[in-house]
């Protein structure tokens, strides 16, 4: 069982930055692939980024590539999402997710993740 708690959301002006954190419980954090998703009102949940168990492999959606950076600190059971050059269209509830590593899984779909945080609101004003 893994519990995830996001923090770091808030209100920011367009062009600004935020750093989201996702703290995980449990001693096996290093065995989980971690992902970030977001969901805007009236829209489906959108994949943003994922990071491998060691942090070596990182993948991004085209919508955030070059602006967002995912990282993890396995010693602190935490995954981060650094968000730069924010745009009003980035406004959404941001959630982290975790899933045990499986070589057959691509980890782009929310259905491929087992555990979810409650989400944190990010609002970007124009």
Protein backbone atom coordinates (compact mmCIF):
# COMPACT_ATOMS: atom_id res chain seq x y z
CA UNK A 1 0.00 0.00 0.00
CA UNK A 2 1.28 3.45 -0.96
CA UNK A 3 -0.22 6.75 0.07
CA UNK A 4 0.58 9.84 -1.96
CA UNK A 5 0.22 13.46 -0.89
CA UNK A 6 0.78 16.32 -3.32
CA UNK A 7 1.73 19.86 -2.38
CA UNK A 8 2.99 23.00 -4.04
CA UNK A 9 0.02 24.03 -6.11
CA UNK A 10 -1.35 27.54 -6.13
CA UNK A 11 -2.05 30.64 -8.17
CA UNK A 12 0.65 31.95 -10.46
CA UNK A 13 0.81 34.43 -13.32
CA UNK A 14 1.47 33.30 -16.85
CA UNK A 15 5.18 32.81 -17.41
CA UNK A 16 5.74 31.93 -13.78
CA UNK A 17 6.92 28.73 -12.15
CA UNK A 18 5.73 26.26 -9.56
CA UNK A 19 7.28 23.15 -8.09
CA UNK A 20 4.96 20.36 -7.13
CA UNK A 21 5.94 17.69 -4.64
CA UNK A 22 4.44 14.27 -4.06
CA UNK A 23 5.37 12.56 -0.82
CA UNK A 24 4.88 8.81 -0.65
CA UNK A 25 4.51 6.55 2.33
CA UNK A 26 6.00 3.10 2.52
CA UNK A 27 9.46 1.62 2.33
CA UNK A 28 9.23 0.42 -1.27
CA UNK A 29 8.98 3.79 -3.01
CA UNK A 30 12.06 3.01 -5.05
CA UNK A 31 10.21 0.10 -6.67
CA UNK A 32 7.46 2.29 -8.13
CA UNK A 33 7.26 4.10 -11.41
CA UNK A 34 5.89 7.57 -10.69
CA UNK A 35 3.76 9.69 -12.95
CA UNK A 36 2.13 13.11 -13.02
CA UNK A 37 -1.26 13.78 -14.55
CA UNK A 38 -3.62 16.71 -14.65
CA UNK A 39 -7.32 17.20 -15.17
CA UNK A 40 -9.00 20.43 -16.16
CA UNK A 41 -12.74 20.95 -15.73
CA UNK A 42 -14.70 19.13 -18.41
CA UNK A 43 -11.63 17.38 -19.75
CA UNK A 44 -10.16 13.93 -19.42
CA UNK A 45 -7.19 13.22 -17.22
CA UNK A 46 -4.02 14.02 -19.16
CA UNK A 47 -0.64 12.31 -18.87
CA UNK A 48 2.18 14.78 -18.26
CA UNK A 49 5.30 12.90 -17.30
CA UNK A 50 6.66 9.74 -15.77
CA UNK A 51 9.94 8.71 -14.22
CA UNK A 52 11.52 5.29 -13.83
CA UNK A 53 12.29 3.72 -10.49
CA UNK A 54 15.90 4.91 -10.56
CA UNK A 55 15.11 8.30 -12.05
CA UNK A 56 17.25 7.66 -15.12
CA UNK A 57 14.42 7.46 -17.65
CA UNK A 58 11.97 10.34 -17.94
CA UNK A 59 9.18 10.90 -20.45
CA UNK A 60 7.03 13.92 -21.15
CA UNK A 61 3.88 14.74 -23.02
CA UNK A 62 4.43 17.08 -25.94
CA UNK A 63 2.28 19.70 -24.23
CA UNK A 64 4.82 20.13 -21.42
CA UNK A 65 8.10 19.02 -22.97
CA UNK A 66 10.77 21.65 -22.47
CA UNK A 67 8.77 23.42 -19.75
CA UNK A 68 8.24 20.75 -17.08
CA UNK A 69 10.86 18.57 -15.39
CA UNK A 70 10.16 15.47 -13.35
CA UNK A 71 12.58 14.21 -10.73
CA UNK A 72 12.58 11.96 -7.69
CA UNK A 73 14.46 11.55 -4.45
CA UNK A 74 14.20 7.93 -3.37
CA UNK A 75 15.88 8.68 -0.05
CA UNK A 76 13.03 11.07 0.76
CA UNK A 77 10.23 9.10 -0.92
CA UNK A 78 9.33 12.13 -2.99
CA UNK A 79 8.75 12.92 -6.64
CA UNK A 80 8.76 16.45 -7.99
CA UNK A 81 7.40 18.31 -10.98
CA UNK A 82 9.13 21.58 -11.75
CA UNK A 83 6.85 23.66 -13.95
CA UNK A 84 8.25 26.67 -15.79
CA UNK A 85 6.81 29.06 -18.36
CA UNK A 86 3.32 28.31 -17.16
CA UNK A 87 0.38 29.13 -19.39
CA UNK A 88 -3.30 29.69 -18.58
CA UNK A 89 -4.07 26.39 -20.31
CA UNK A 90 -1.97 24.63 -17.67
CA UNK A 91 -4.70 25.37 -15.14
CA UNK A 92 -5.91 22.05 -13.72
CA UNK A 93 -5.80 19.72 -10.76
CA UNK A 94 -2.43 17.99 -10.77
CA UNK A 95 -2.08 14.49 -9.37
CA UNK A 96 0.79 12.12 -8.87
CA UNK A 97 0.44 8.39 -9.32
CA UNK A 98 2.47 5.30 -8.55
CA UNK A 99 2.65 1.82 -9.91
CA UNK A 100 4.98 -1.12 -9.35
CA UNK A 101 7.43 -1.53 -12.19
CA UNK A 102 6.42 -3.95 -14.93
CA UNK A 103 8.45 -4.17 -18.12
CA UNK A 104 5.26 -4.81 -20.14
CA UNK A 105 3.66 -1.52 -19.07
CA UNK A 106 4.20 1.84 -20.75
CA UNK A 107 2.78 4.01 -17.96
CA UNK A 108 1.15 6.61 -20.19
CA UNK A 109 -2.44 5.78 -19.27
CA UNK A 110 -3.98 6.57 -15.90
CA UNK A 111 -5.33 3.01 -15.91
CA UNK A 112 -1.77 1.74 -15.62
CA UNK A 113 -1.28 3.32 -12.21
CA UNK A 114 -2.32 1.74 -8.95
CA UNK A 115 -2.10 4.53 -6.40
CA UNK A 116 -3.14 8.17 -6.64
CA UNK A 117 -2.81 11.29 -4.58
CA UNK A 118 -5.70 13.62 -3.88
CA UNK A 119 -4.45 16.27 -6.28
CA UNK A 120 -3.37 19.88 -5.95
CA UNK A 121 -4.89 22.82 -7.80
CA UNK A 122 -2.72 24.86 -10.14
CA UNK A 123 -4.23 28.06 -11.50
CA UNK A 124 -2.38 30.19 -14.04
CA UNK A 125 -3.72 33.67 -14.60
CA UNK A 126 -3.24 35.58 -17.84
